[in-house]
Amino acid sequence: MLGKVYLLLYNCCLAFGWSTVLWYTIYELYSTESTTTVYKRVEVALKLSQSLAVLEIVHAAIGLVRSSPLTTFIQVQSRLVVLWLVLDPVKEVQADSNVPMMIIAWCVAEIVRYLYYALSLVDKVPYVLTWARYSFFTFLYPIGVSGELLTIYSVLPYVTASGMYSVSLPNKLNVSFSYPTFLIIYMMGYFPYLPKLYMHMLKQRGKILGGAAAEKKES
């Protein structure tokens, strides 16, 4: 019972957090008619909301939810890398037009997801929310992933020129590390995994919405 109450509070808080990010993103776009200040406007709320998702890995690992810890880790870490290792340290790309696109995709997906989880805990999920949970990904996922990849690609010239996070030889440990190379390899890692995940989500959509539609018809 305590775990259920905790999860309900957690999901409600994250739904509110992502709603706040979405509101300020739209407000900034409307009021300034520009994408250049969006990230600065939502930075604190975005970092807090996204970073709290780390707890979902813990939830899965300790059995509080039935998700796979590995799958949860893969899904969470990609956004954290983009947020903390790409966007945050490279100020030059924060004004790029692809950043608001990515943030809005994240927001809508997460608001729907956390509301769905919260209402599932009290068995009060309306069909429209179930439909949104298993349908919006068909366009939000490609938009969000495209935004992530474009953001990573955009920082490559800056991290190459600055040498940020890179380690050159010679040094006492006798090791080297190229941050631009790491980011390129990281981007390539998206491609074998994304089609599998997308197809899995499509199968889940057919399974869940088919069952939900049948239950709705019977009732």
N, C-alpha and C. Protein backbone atom coordinates (compact mmCIF):
# COMPACT_ATOMS: atom_id res chain seq x y z
N MET A 1 0.83 -1.21 0.00
CA MET A 1 0.00 0.00 0.00
C MET A 1 0.86 1.26 0.00
N LEU A 2 1.91 1.25 0.83
CA LEU A 2 2.81 2.41 0.90
C LEU A 2 3.49 2.65 -0.45
N GLY A 3 3.90 1.54 -1.09
CA GLY A 3 4.53 1.66 -2.40
C GLY A 3 3.59 2.25 -3.44
N LYS A 4 2.33 1.89 -3.36
CA LYS A 4 1.33 2.40 -4.30
C LYS A 4 1.12 3.90 -4.11
N VAL A 5 1.07 4.32 -2.85
CA VAL A 5 0.91 5.74 -2.54
C VAL A 5 2.11 6.54 -3.04
N TYR A 6 3.30 5.98 -2.81
CA TYR A 6 4.53 6.63 -3.27
C TYR A 6 4.52 6.78 -4.79
N LEU A 7 4.18 5.70 -5.51
CA LEU A 7 4.16 5.75 -6.98
C LEU A 7 3.12 6.75 -7.49
N LEU A 8 1.99 6.82 -6.79
CA LEU A 8 0.95 7.77 -7.19
C LEU A 8 1.48 9.21 -7.06
N LEU A 9 2.12 9.50 -5.94
CA LEU A 9 2.69 10.83 -5.73
C LEU A 9 3.80 11.12 -6.73
N TYR A 10 4.65 10.13 -6.97
CA TYR A 10 5.76 10.29 -7.91
C TYR A 10 5.23 10.62 -9.31
N ASN A 11 4.27 9.86 -9.79
CA ASN A 11 3.75 10.07 -11.13
C ASN A 11 2.99 11.38 -11.25
N CYS A 12 2.27 11.77 -10.20
CA CYS A 12 1.56 13.05 -10.23
C CYS A 12 2.55 14.22 -10.25
N CYS A 13 3.60 14.10 -9.46
CA CYS A 13 4.61 15.17 -9.42
C CYS A 13 5.31 15.32 -10.76
N LEU A 14 5.64 14.19 -11.40
CA LEU A 14 6.31 14.27 -12.69
C LEU A 14 5.37 14.77 -13.79
N ALA A 15 4.10 14.40 -13.71
CA ALA A 15 3.13 14.92 -14.68
C ALA A 15 3.03 16.44 -14.54
N PHE A 16 3.03 16.93 -13.30
CA PHE A 16 3.00 18.37 -13.06
C PHE A 16 4.29 19.03 -13.53
N GLY A 17 5.43 18.38 -13.25
CA GLY A 17 6.72 18.94 -13.66
C GLY A 17 6.82 19.11 -15.16
N TRP A 18 6.44 18.08 -15.89
CA TRP A 18 6.51 18.16 -17.36
C TRP A 18 5.46 19.12 -17.93
N SER A 19 4.33 19.24 -17.25
CA SER A 19 3.32 20.22 -17.68
C SER A 19 3.86 21.64 -17.53
N THR A 20 4.62 21.85 -16.45
CA THR A 20 5.25 23.16 -16.23
C THR A 20 6.26 23.47 -17.33
N VAL A 21 7.06 22.48 -17.69
CA VAL A 21 8.04 22.68 -18.77
C VAL A 21 7.33 23.00 -20.08
N LEU A 22 6.26 22.28 -20.37
CA LEU A 22 5.52 22.51 -21.61
C LEU A 22 4.90 23.90 -21.63
N TRP A 23 4.31 24.30 -20.52
CA TRP A 23 3.68 25.62 -20.44
C TRP A 23 4.70 26.73 -20.71
N TYR A 24 5.83 26.67 -20.04
CA TYR A 24 6.84 27.72 -20.22
C TYR A 24 7.47 27.68 -21.61
N THR A 25 7.57 26.50 -22.18
CA THR A 25 8.10 26.39 -23.55
C THR A 25 7.17 27.10 -24.53
N ILE A 26 5.89 26.78 -24.44
CA ILE A 26 4.91 27.39 -25.34
C ILE A 26 4.80 28.89 -25.09
N TYR A 27 4.81 29.29 -23.82
CA TYR A 27 4.73 30.71 -23.48
C TYR A 27 5.91 31.48 -24.06
N GLU A 28 7.10 30.91 -23.93
CA GLU A 28 8.29 31.59 -24.42
C GLU A 28 8.27 31.69 -25.95
N LEU A 29 7.85 30.62 -26.61
CA LEU A 29 7.77 30.65 -28.07
C LEU A 29 6.75 31.68 -28.53
N TYR A 30 5.63 31.76 -27.84
CA TYR A 30 4.58 32.70 -28.22
C TYR A 30 4.97 34.14 -27.93
N SER A 31 5.53 34.38 -26.75
CA SER A 31 5.81 35.75 -26.32
C SER A 31 7.02 36.36 -27.02
N THR A 32 7.99 35.53 -27.36
CA THR A 32 9.21 36.06 -27.98
C THR A 32 9.25 35.82 -29.49
N GLU A 33 8.38 34.90 -29.96
CA GLU A 33 8.37 34.50 -31.37
C GLU A 33 9.78 34.07 -31.81
N SER A 34 10.46 33.42 -30.90
CA SER A 34 11.83 32.97 -31.17
C SER A 34 12.11 31.71 -30.36
N THR A 35 13.04 30.90 -30.87
CA THR A 35 13.43 29.68 -30.15
C THR A 35 14.67 29.90 -29.29
N THR A 36 15.27 31.05 -29.38
CA THR A 36 16.60 31.24 -28.80
C THR A 36 16.63 31.24 -27.27
N THR A 37 15.52 31.60 -26.63
CA THR A 37 15.53 31.70 -25.17
C THR A 37 14.72 30.60 -24.48
N VAL A 38 14.21 29.67 -25.25
CA VAL A 38 13.35 28.62 -24.67
C VAL A 38 14.09 27.80 -23.63
N TYR A 39 15.28 27.33 -23.98
CA TYR A 39 16.00 26.45 -23.05
C TYR A 39 16.28 27.15 -21.73
N LYS A 40 16.73 28.40 -21.78
CA LYS A 40 17.02 29.13 -20.56
C LYS A 40 15.76 29.31 -19.71
N ARG A 41 14.63 29.47 -20.38
CA ARG A 41 13.37 29.67 -19.67
C ARG A 41 12.96 28.42 -18.88
N VAL A 42 13.18 27.24 -19.48
CA VAL A 42 12.69 25.99 -18.87
C VAL A 42 13.79 25.18 -18.21
N GLU A 43 15.01 25.68 -18.21
CA GLU A 43 16.18 24.89 -17.82
C GLU A 43 16.02 24.20 -16.46
N VAL A 44 15.65 24.93 -15.44
CA VAL A 44 15.58 24.36 -14.09
C VAL A 44 14.51 23.27 -14.01
N ALA A 45 13.31 23.59 -14.49
CA ALA A 45 12.21 22.62 -14.44
C ALA A 45 12.50 21.40 -15.30
N LEU A 46 13.14 21.62 -16.44
CA LEU A 46 13.50 20.52 -17.34
C LEU A 46 14.52 19.59 -16.69
N LYS A 47 15.56 20.17 -16.12
CA LYS A 47 16.59 19.36 -15.47
C LYS A 47 16.03 18.56 -14.31
N LEU A 48 15.19 19.18 -13.51
CA LEU A 48 14.61 18.51 -12.36
C LEU A 48 13.69 17.37 -12.79
N SER A 49 12.80 17.66 -13.73
CA SER A 49 11.84 16.65 -14.18
C SER A 49 12.53 15.46 -14.83
N GLN A 50 13.50 15.75 -15.69
CA GLN A 50 14.18 14.66 -16.38
C GLN A 50 15.09 13.87 -15.45
N SER A 51 15.77 14.55 -14.56
CA SER A 51 16.70 13.87 -13.65
C SER A 51 15.98 12.97 -12.67
N LEU A 52 14.76 13.33 -12.26
CA LEU A 52 13.99 12.49 -11.36
C LEU A 52 13.61 11.15 -11.99
N ALA A 53 13.71 11.06 -13.31
CA ALA A 53 13.41 9.81 -14.00
C ALA A 53 14.40 8.71 -13.63
N VAL A 54 15.54 9.09 -13.08
CA VAL A 54 16.52 8.10 -12.61
C VAL A 54 15.87 7.17 -11.59
N LEU A 55 14.92 7.68 -10.83
CA LEU A 55 14.24 6.86 -9.83
C LEU A 55 13.48 5.71 -10.46
N GLU A 56 13.11 5.85 -11.74
CA GLU A 56 12.39 4.77 -12.41
C GLU A 56 13.28 3.54 -12.58
N ILE A 57 14.57 3.75 -12.73
CA ILE A 57 15.50 2.62 -12.79
C ILE A 57 15.51 1.91 -11.45
N VAL A 58 15.51 2.69 -10.37
CA VAL A 58 15.48 2.12 -9.02
C VAL A 58 14.17 1.37 -8.80
N HIS A 59 13.06 1.96 -9.22
CA HIS A 59 11.75 1.30 -9.07
C HIS A 59 11.74 -0.07 -9.73
N ALA A 60 12.30 -0.12 -10.95
CA ALA A 60 12.34 -1.39 -11.68
C ALA A 60 13.29 -2.38 -11.02
N ALA A 61 14.43 -1.88 -10.53
CA ALA A 61 15.45 -2.76 -9.95
C ALA A 61 14.97 -3.41 -8.65
N ILE A 62 14.19 -2.69 -7.87
CA ILE A 62 13.73 -3.25 -6.58
C ILE A 62 12.36 -3.92 -6.69
N GLY A 63 11.80 -3.96 -7.91
CA GLY A 63 10.54 -4.65 -8.11
C GLY A 63 9.30 -3.85 -7.76
N LEU A 64 9.46 -2.54 -7.60
CA LEU A 64 8.31 -1.70 -7.28
C LEU A 64 7.37 -1.59 -8.48
N VAL A 65 7.95 -1.68 -9.68
CA VAL A 65 7.17 -1.76 -10.93
C VAL A 65 7.67 -2.96 -11.73
N ARG A 66 6.89 -3.36 -12.72
CA ARG A 66 7.22 -4.58 -13.46
C ARG A 66 8.10 -4.34 -14.69
N SER A 67 8.61 -3.14 -14.85
CA SER A 67 9.46 -2.82 -16.00
C SER A 67 10.83 -3.49 -15.86
N SER A 68 11.49 -3.67 -17.01
CA SER A 68 12.85 -4.20 -17.02
C SER A 68 13.82 -3.10 -16.61
N PRO A 69 14.69 -3.35 -15.63
CA PRO A 69 15.67 -2.34 -15.23
C PRO A 69 16.58 -1.93 -16.38
N LEU A 70 16.99 -2.90 -17.23
CA LEU A 70 17.88 -2.59 -18.35
C LEU A 70 17.19 -1.71 -19.37
N THR A 71 15.97 -2.07 -19.75
CA THR A 71 15.21 -1.28 -20.72
C THR A 71 14.95 0.13 -20.18
N THR A 72 14.61 0.20 -18.90
CA THR A 72 14.36 1.50 -18.28
C THR A 72 15.63 2.35 -18.28
N PHE A 73 16.75 1.72 -17.97
CA PHE A 73 18.03 2.43 -17.97
C PHE A 73 18.36 2.99 -19.35
N ILE A 74 18.16 2.18 -20.39
CA ILE A 74 18.47 2.61 -21.76
C ILE A 74 17.61 3.81 -22.14
N GLN A 75 16.33 3.76 -21.79
CA GLN A 75 15.42 4.84 -22.15
C GLN A 75 15.74 6.13 -21.39
N VAL A 76 16.09 6.00 -20.12
CA VAL A 76 16.35 7.18 -19.30
C VAL A 76 17.69 7.82 -19.62
N GLN A 77 18.73 6.99 -19.78
CA GLN A 77 20.07 7.54 -19.94
C GLN A 77 20.25 8.35 -21.21
N SER A 78 19.52 8.02 -22.27
CA SER A 78 19.70 8.76 -23.53
C SER A 78 19.34 10.23 -23.36
N ARG A 79 18.26 10.50 -22.65
CA ARG A 79 17.87 11.90 -22.43
C ARG A 79 18.82 12.59 -21.46
N LEU A 80 19.28 11.85 -20.46
CA LEU A 80 20.20 12.45 -19.50
C LEU A 80 21.52 12.84 -20.16
N VAL A 81 21.98 12.00 -21.09
CA VAL A 81 23.21 12.32 -21.83
C VAL A 81 23.01 13.59 -22.64
N VAL A 82 21.89 13.67 -23.36
CA VAL A 82 21.62 14.85 -24.17
C VAL A 82 21.49 16.10 -23.30
N LEU A 83 20.81 15.95 -22.18
CA LEU A 83 20.56 17.10 -21.31
C LEU A 83 21.81 17.58 -20.58
N TRP A 84 22.50 16.65 -19.90
CA TRP A 84 23.59 17.03 -19.01
C TRP A 84 24.97 17.05 -19.67
N LEU A 85 25.18 16.22 -20.69
CA LEU A 85 26.51 16.14 -21.31
C LEU A 85 26.59 16.84 -22.66
N VAL A 86 25.44 17.25 -23.19
CA VAL A 86 25.44 17.90 -24.50
C VAL A 86 24.88 19.32 -24.40
N LEU A 87 23.62 19.44 -24.01
CA LEU A 87 22.98 20.75 -23.96
C LEU A 87 23.55 21.65 -22.87
N ASP A 88 23.65 21.14 -21.67
CA ASP A 88 24.05 21.97 -20.54
C ASP A 88 25.45 22.58 -20.70
N PRO A 89 26.48 21.81 -21.08
CA PRO A 89 27.82 22.40 -21.14
C PRO A 89 28.11 23.22 -22.40
N VAL A 90 27.34 23.00 -23.46
CA VAL A 90 27.61 23.71 -24.72
C VAL A 90 26.52 24.76 -24.93
N LYS A 91 26.77 25.95 -24.42
CA LYS A 91 25.77 27.02 -24.44
C LYS A 91 25.39 27.42 -25.87
N GLU A 92 26.32 27.24 -26.80
CA GLU A 92 26.09 27.71 -28.18
C GLU A 92 24.92 27.02 -28.87
N VAL A 93 24.60 25.79 -28.48
CA VAL A 93 23.54 25.06 -29.17
C VAL A 93 22.19 25.17 -28.47
N GLN A 94 22.17 25.82 -27.32
CA GLN A 94 20.92 25.90 -26.56
C GLN A 94 19.85 26.72 -27.27
N ALA A 95 20.27 27.58 -28.18
CA ALA A 95 19.31 28.42 -28.91
C ALA A 95 18.88 27.80 -30.23
N ASP A 96 19.37 26.62 -30.56
CA ASP A 96 19.02 25.98 -31.84
C ASP A 96 17.53 25.68 -31.90
N SER A 97 16.97 25.74 -33.10
CA SER A 97 15.53 25.54 -33.28
C SER A 97 15.08 24.12 -32.99
N ASN A 98 16.00 23.15 -33.08
CA ASN A 98 15.62 21.76 -32.82
C ASN A 98 15.41 21.49 -31.33
N VAL A 99 15.93 22.37 -30.46
CA VAL A 99 15.82 22.15 -29.02
C VAL A 99 14.37 22.26 -28.54
N PRO A 100 13.61 23.33 -28.88
CA PRO A 100 12.20 23.38 -28.48
C PRO A 100 11.39 22.22 -29.06
N MET A 101 11.69 21.81 -30.29
CA MET A 101 11.01 20.67 -30.90
C MET A 101 11.19 19.43 -30.04
N MET A 102 12.42 19.19 -29.62
CA MET A 102 12.74 18.04 -28.79
C MET A 102 12.06 18.13 -27.43
N ILE A 103 12.10 19.32 -26.82
CA ILE A 103 11.52 19.51 -25.50
C ILE A 103 10.01 19.29 -25.52
N ILE A 104 9.33 19.82 -26.53
CA ILE A 104 7.89 19.65 -26.63
C ILE A 104 7.52 18.19 -26.81
N ALA A 105 8.27 17.46 -27.63
CA ALA A 105 8.03 16.03 -27.82
C ALA A 105 8.20 15.29 -26.50
N TRP A 106 9.27 15.62 -25.78
CA TRP A 106 9.49 15.00 -24.46
C TRP A 106 8.31 15.30 -23.53
N CYS A 107 7.91 16.55 -23.49
CA CYS A 107 6.85 16.99 -22.57
C CYS A 107 5.54 16.24 -22.81
N VAL A 108 5.07 16.26 -24.04
CA VAL A 108 3.78 15.63 -24.35
C VAL A 108 3.83 14.14 -24.03
N ALA A 109 4.91 13.49 -24.44
CA ALA A 109 5.05 12.05 -24.17
C ALA A 109 5.02 11.77 -22.67
N GLU A 110 5.74 12.58 -21.89
CA GLU A 110 5.85 12.32 -20.47
C GLU A 110 4.58 12.69 -19.70
N ILE A 111 3.92 13.76 -20.10
CA ILE A 111 2.66 14.12 -19.44
C ILE A 111 1.65 13.00 -19.59
N VAL A 112 1.51 12.51 -20.81
CA VAL A 112 0.57 11.41 -21.07
C VAL A 112 0.99 10.16 -20.30
N ARG A 113 2.27 9.84 -20.33
CA ARG A 113 2.76 8.62 -19.68
C ARG A 113 2.55 8.66 -18.17
N TYR A 114 2.93 9.76 -17.53
CA TYR A 114 2.80 9.84 -16.08
C TYR A 114 1.35 9.92 -15.63
N LEU A 115 0.50 10.60 -16.39
CA LEU A 115 -0.92 10.62 -16.06
C LEU A 115 -1.52 9.22 -16.19
N TYR A 116 -1.09 8.51 -17.23
CA TYR A 116 -1.58 7.14 -17.43
C TYR A 116 -1.17 6.25 -16.27
N TYR A 117 0.09 6.33 -15.86
CA TYR A 117 0.57 5.53 -14.74
C TYR A 117 -0.16 5.88 -13.45
N ALA A 118 -0.35 7.18 -13.21
CA ALA A 118 -1.01 7.62 -11.98
C ALA A 118 -2.45 7.10 -11.90
N LEU A 119 -3.20 7.26 -12.99
CA LEU A 119 -4.59 6.83 -12.99
C LEU A 119 -4.72 5.31 -13.02
N SER A 120 -3.70 4.63 -13.56
CA SER A 120 -3.71 3.17 -13.54
C SER A 120 -3.66 2.64 -12.12
N LEU A 121 -2.96 3.37 -11.25
CA LEU A 121 -2.83 2.94 -9.86
C LEU A 121 -4.15 2.99 -9.11
N VAL A 122 -5.10 3.80 -9.59
CA VAL A 122 -6.41 3.89 -8.94
C VAL A 122 -7.51 3.34 -9.85
N ASP A 123 -7.10 2.65 -10.92
CA ASP A 123 -8.04 2.02 -11.86
C ASP A 123 -9.05 3.01 -12.42
N LYS A 124 -8.57 4.19 -12.80
CA LYS A 124 -9.45 5.23 -13.33
C LYS A 124 -8.94 5.79 -14.66
N VAL A 125 -8.39 4.94 -15.51
CA VAL A 125 -7.82 5.42 -16.77
C VAL A 125 -8.92 5.52 -17.83
N PRO A 126 -9.21 6.71 -18.35
CA PRO A 126 -10.20 6.83 -19.42
C PRO A 126 -9.61 6.27 -20.73
N TYR A 127 -10.49 5.82 -21.60
CA TYR A 127 -10.03 5.22 -22.85
C TYR A 127 -9.21 6.19 -23.67
N VAL A 128 -9.59 7.48 -23.66
CA VAL A 128 -8.87 8.47 -24.47
C VAL A 128 -7.41 8.59 -24.01
N LEU A 129 -7.17 8.45 -22.70
CA LEU A 129 -5.79 8.51 -22.21
C LEU A 129 -5.02 7.26 -22.58
N THR A 130 -5.69 6.11 -22.53
CA THR A 130 -5.05 4.87 -22.98
C THR A 130 -4.69 4.96 -24.45
N TRP A 131 -5.63 5.49 -25.24
CA TRP A 131 -5.37 5.65 -26.67
C TRP A 131 -4.18 6.58 -26.91
N ALA A 132 -4.14 7.69 -26.19
CA ALA A 132 -3.03 8.64 -26.34
C ALA A 132 -1.71 8.00 -25.92
N ARG A 133 -1.73 7.25 -24.82
CA ARG A 133 -0.51 6.61 -24.31
C ARG A 133 0.10 5.68 -25.35
N TYR A 134 -0.75 4.97 -26.09
CA TYR A 134 -0.26 3.99 -27.05
C TYR A 134 -0.41 4.42 -28.51
N SER A 135 -0.61 5.71 -28.73
CA SER A 135 -0.70 6.22 -30.10
C SER A 135 0.23 7.40 -30.35
N PHE A 136 0.37 8.29 -29.38
CA PHE A 136 1.17 9.49 -29.57
C PHE A 136 2.64 9.18 -29.88
N PHE A 137 3.12 8.02 -29.40
CA PHE A 137 4.52 7.68 -29.64
C PHE A 137 4.83 7.55 -31.13
N THR A 138 3.80 7.26 -31.94
CA THR A 138 4.04 7.03 -33.37
C THR A 138 4.64 8.25 -34.05
N PHE A 139 4.33 9.45 -33.52
CA PHE A 139 4.95 10.66 -34.08
C PHE A 139 5.87 11.37 -33.08
N LEU A 140 5.58 11.24 -31.77
CA LEU A 140 6.44 11.89 -30.78
C LEU A 140 7.81 11.25 -30.70
N TYR A 141 7.85 9.94 -30.84
CA TYR A 141 9.12 9.23 -30.74
C TYR A 141 10.10 9.66 -31.85
N PRO A 142 9.67 9.64 -33.12
CA PRO A 142 10.57 10.12 -34.17
C PRO A 142 10.97 11.59 -34.01
N ILE A 143 10.04 12.43 -33.56
CA ILE A 143 10.37 13.85 -33.37
C ILE A 143 11.39 14.00 -32.25
N GLY A 144 11.15 13.34 -31.13
CA GLY A 144 12.06 13.45 -29.99
C GLY A 144 13.45 12.92 -30.30
N VAL A 145 13.50 11.76 -30.95
CA VAL A 145 14.79 11.15 -31.29
C VAL A 145 15.53 12.02 -32.32
N SER A 146 14.80 12.55 -33.29
CA SER A 146 15.42 13.44 -34.28
C SER A 146 16.01 14.67 -33.59
N GLY A 147 15.27 15.21 -32.62
CA GLY A 147 15.77 16.36 -31.88
C GLY A 147 17.03 16.02 -31.09
N GLU A 148 17.05 14.85 -30.48
CA GLU A 148 18.23 14.42 -29.72
C GLU A 148 19.45 14.28 -30.64
N LEU A 149 19.25 13.61 -31.76
CA LEU A 149 20.37 13.39 -32.69
C LEU A 149 20.87 14.71 -33.28
N LEU A 150 19.95 15.60 -33.63
CA LEU A 150 20.35 16.90 -34.18
C LEU A 150 21.11 17.72 -33.14
N THR A 151 20.68 17.62 -31.90
CA THR A 151 21.35 18.36 -30.83
C THR A 151 22.77 17.84 -30.62
N ILE A 152 22.91 16.52 -30.58
CA ILE A 152 24.25 15.94 -30.42
C ILE A 152 25.14 16.33 -31.61
N TYR A 153 24.58 16.23 -32.81
CA TYR A 153 25.34 16.58 -34.02
C TYR A 153 25.77 18.04 -34.00
N SER A 154 24.89 18.90 -33.47
CA SER A 154 25.18 20.34 -33.46
C SER A 154 26.36 20.70 -32.57
N VAL A 155 26.60 19.90 -31.53
CA VAL A 155 27.69 20.27 -30.59
C VAL A 155 29.05 19.79 -31.06
N LEU A 156 29.09 18.90 -32.05
CA LEU A 156 30.36 18.31 -32.48
C LEU A 156 31.42 19.35 -32.84
N PRO A 157 31.11 20.38 -33.63
CA PRO A 157 32.15 21.38 -33.93
C PRO A 157 32.68 22.09 -32.68
N TYR A 158 31.80 22.34 -31.72
CA TYR A 158 32.21 23.07 -30.52
C TYR A 158 33.09 22.22 -29.61
N VAL A 159 32.69 20.95 -29.40
CA VAL A 159 33.49 20.11 -28.51
C VAL A 159 34.81 19.72 -29.18
N THR A 160 34.82 19.67 -30.51
CA THR A 160 36.07 19.38 -31.22
C THR A 160 37.04 20.54 -31.08
N ALA A 161 36.54 21.76 -31.27
CA ALA A 161 37.41 22.94 -31.20
C ALA A 161 37.90 23.22 -29.78
N SER A 162 37.05 22.97 -28.81
CA SER A 162 37.40 23.30 -27.42
C SER A 162 38.18 22.19 -26.71
N GLY A 163 38.04 20.96 -27.24
CA GLY A 163 38.68 19.84 -26.56
C GLY A 163 37.97 19.43 -25.28
N MET A 164 36.75 19.87 -25.11
CA MET A 164 35.98 19.61 -23.90
C MET A 164 35.84 18.11 -23.63
N TYR A 165 36.10 17.73 -22.39
CA TYR A 165 35.99 16.36 -21.91
C TYR A 165 36.98 15.38 -22.56
N SER A 166 37.77 15.85 -23.49
CA SER A 166 38.74 14.96 -24.16
C SER A 166 40.04 14.90 -23.35
N VAL A 167 40.72 13.79 -23.47
CA VAL A 167 42.00 13.59 -22.78
C VAL A 167 43.05 13.22 -23.83
N SER A 168 44.12 13.99 -23.88
CA SER A 168 45.17 13.76 -24.88
C SER A 168 46.41 13.15 -24.25
N LEU A 169 47.14 12.45 -25.07
CA LEU A 169 48.44 11.91 -24.65
C LEU A 169 49.51 12.98 -24.90
N PRO A 170 50.61 12.99 -24.15
CA PRO A 170 50.89 12.07 -23.04
C PRO A 170 50.26 12.55 -21.75
N ASN A 171 50.02 11.61 -20.83
CA ASN A 171 49.55 11.93 -19.48
C ASN A 171 49.97 10.80 -18.55
N LYS A 172 49.80 11.00 -17.26
CA LYS A 172 50.29 10.05 -16.28
C LYS A 172 49.62 8.68 -16.39
N LEU A 173 48.36 8.68 -16.78
CA LEU A 173 47.64 7.41 -16.89
C LEU A 173 47.87 6.71 -18.23
N ASN A 174 48.48 7.44 -19.16
CA ASN A 174 48.76 6.90 -20.49
C ASN A 174 47.49 6.43 -21.21
N VAL A 175 46.43 7.22 -21.08
CA VAL A 175 45.17 6.92 -21.76
C VAL A 175 44.70 8.18 -22.50
N SER A 176 43.92 7.97 -23.52
CA SER A 176 43.36 9.10 -24.26
C SER A 176 41.86 8.88 -24.44
N PHE A 177 41.17 9.97 -24.60
CA PHE A 177 39.72 9.91 -24.79
C PHE A 177 39.29 11.07 -25.66
N SER A 178 38.54 10.77 -26.71
CA SER A 178 38.03 11.79 -27.61
C SER A 178 36.53 11.92 -27.41
N TYR A 179 36.11 13.03 -26.85
CA TYR A 179 34.69 13.24 -26.61
C TYR A 179 33.88 13.32 -27.91
N PRO A 180 34.37 14.01 -28.95
CA PRO A 180 33.63 14.01 -30.22
C PRO A 180 33.43 12.60 -30.78
N THR A 181 34.48 11.77 -30.69
CA THR A 181 34.35 10.39 -31.17
C THR A 181 33.32 9.62 -30.36
N PHE A 182 33.34 9.84 -29.04
CA PHE A 182 32.35 9.20 -28.18
C PHE A 182 30.94 9.58 -28.60
N LEU A 183 30.71 10.87 -28.89
CA LEU A 183 29.38 11.32 -29.28
C LEU A 183 28.94 10.72 -30.61
N ILE A 184 29.88 10.60 -31.55
CA ILE A 184 29.55 9.99 -32.84
C ILE A 184 29.16 8.53 -32.66
N ILE A 185 29.94 7.81 -31.87
CA ILE A 185 29.63 6.40 -31.60
C ILE A 185 28.29 6.29 -30.86
N TYR A 186 28.07 7.23 -29.95
CA TYR A 186 26.81 7.25 -29.19
C TYR A 186 25.62 7.45 -30.13
N MET A 187 25.77 8.35 -31.08
CA MET A 187 24.70 8.58 -32.06
C MET A 187 24.44 7.33 -32.89
N MET A 188 25.50 6.65 -33.30
CA MET A 188 25.34 5.43 -34.10
C MET A 188 24.62 4.35 -33.31
N GLY A 189 24.78 4.38 -31.97
CA GLY A 189 24.12 3.40 -31.14
C GLY A 189 22.60 3.50 -31.13
N TYR A 190 22.07 4.66 -31.55
CA TYR A 190 20.62 4.81 -31.63
C TYR A 190 20.01 3.86 -32.67
N PHE A 191 20.71 3.69 -33.77
CA PHE A 191 20.08 3.07 -34.94
C PHE A 191 19.76 1.58 -34.83
N PRO A 192 20.60 0.75 -34.23
CA PRO A 192 20.19 -0.65 -34.09
C PRO A 192 19.08 -0.85 -33.06
N TYR A 193 19.00 0.04 -32.07
CA TYR A 193 18.04 -0.15 -30.98
C TYR A 193 16.66 0.42 -31.29
N LEU A 194 16.62 1.57 -31.96
CA LEU A 194 15.35 2.28 -32.15
C LEU A 194 14.30 1.50 -32.94
N PRO A 195 14.66 0.87 -34.07
CA PRO A 195 13.63 0.11 -34.80
C PRO A 195 13.01 -1.01 -33.96
N LYS A 196 13.84 -1.69 -33.16
CA LYS A 196 13.33 -2.77 -32.31
C LYS A 196 12.35 -2.23 -31.27
N LEU A 197 12.72 -1.13 -30.65
CA LEU A 197 11.85 -0.53 -29.64
C LEU A 197 10.56 -0.02 -30.26
N TYR A 198 10.67 0.59 -31.42
CA TYR A 198 9.47 1.13 -32.09
C TYR A 198 8.51 0.01 -32.47
N MET A 199 9.05 -1.09 -33.00
CA MET A 199 8.21 -2.23 -33.37
C MET A 199 7.56 -2.86 -32.14
N HIS A 200 8.33 -2.92 -31.04
CA HIS A 200 7.78 -3.44 -29.79
C HIS A 200 6.61 -2.59 -29.33
N MET A 201 6.76 -1.27 -29.43
CA MET A 201 5.70 -0.36 -29.01
C MET A 201 4.47 -0.48 -29.91
N LEU A 202 4.70 -0.72 -31.20
CA LEU A 202 3.57 -0.92 -32.11
C LEU A 202 2.80 -2.19 -31.76
N LYS A 203 3.52 -3.24 -31.40
CA LYS A 203 2.86 -4.49 -30.98
C LYS A 203 2.06 -4.28 -29.70
N GLN A 204 2.67 -3.53 -28.77
CA GLN A 204 1.97 -3.22 -27.53
C GLN A 204 0.71 -2.40 -27.79
N ARG A 205 0.81 -1.50 -28.77
CA ARG A 205 -0.36 -0.67 -29.12
C ARG A 205 -1.52 -1.55 -29.58
N GLY A 206 -1.23 -2.50 -30.48
CA GLY A 206 -2.27 -3.39 -30.96
C GLY A 206 -2.87 -4.23 -29.85
N LYS A 207 -2.02 -4.70 -28.97
CA LYS A 207 -2.47 -5.55 -27.86
C LYS A 207 -3.32 -4.77 -26.87
N ILE A 208 -2.82 -3.61 -26.44
CA ILE A 208 -3.51 -2.83 -25.41
C ILE A 208 -4.78 -2.18 -25.94
N LEU A 209 -4.68 -1.52 -27.09
CA LEU A 209 -5.85 -0.82 -27.62
C LEU A 209 -6.92 -1.78 -28.09
N GLY A 210 -6.49 -2.93 -28.60
CA GLY A 210 -7.46 -3.94 -29.00
C GLY A 210 -8.26 -4.43 -27.80
N GLY A 211 -7.56 -4.68 -26.70
CA GLY A 211 -8.25 -5.14 -25.48
C GLY A 211 -9.09 -4.04 -24.86
N ALA A 212 -8.57 -2.82 -24.88
CA ALA A 212 -9.32 -1.71 -24.29
C ALA A 212 -10.59 -1.41 -25.08
N ALA A 213 -10.48 -1.51 -26.41
CA ALA A 213 -11.65 -1.26 -27.25
C ALA A 213 -12.71 -2.31 -27.03
N ALA A 214 -12.27 -3.56 -26.85
CA ALA A 214 -13.22 -4.67 -26.61
C ALA A 214 -13.94 -4.46 -25.28
N GLU A 215 -13.19 -4.07 -24.23
CA GLU A 215 -13.79 -3.84 -22.93
C GLU A 215 -14.77 -2.68 -22.98
N LYS A 216 -14.42 -1.64 -23.72
CA LYS A 216 -15.30 -0.47 -23.84
C LYS A 216 -16.60 -0.85 -24.54
N LYS A 217 -16.50 -1.71 -25.55
CA LYS A 217 -17.68 -2.12 -26.29
C LYS A 217 -18.61 -2.97 -25.43
N GLU A 218 -17.99 -3.86 -24.62
CA GLU A 218 -18.78 -4.72 -23.76
C GLU A 218 -19.51 -3.95 -22.67
N SER A 219 -18.84 -2.90 -22.17
CA SER A 219 -19.46 -2.11 -21.12
C SER A 219 -20.55 -1.17 -21.66
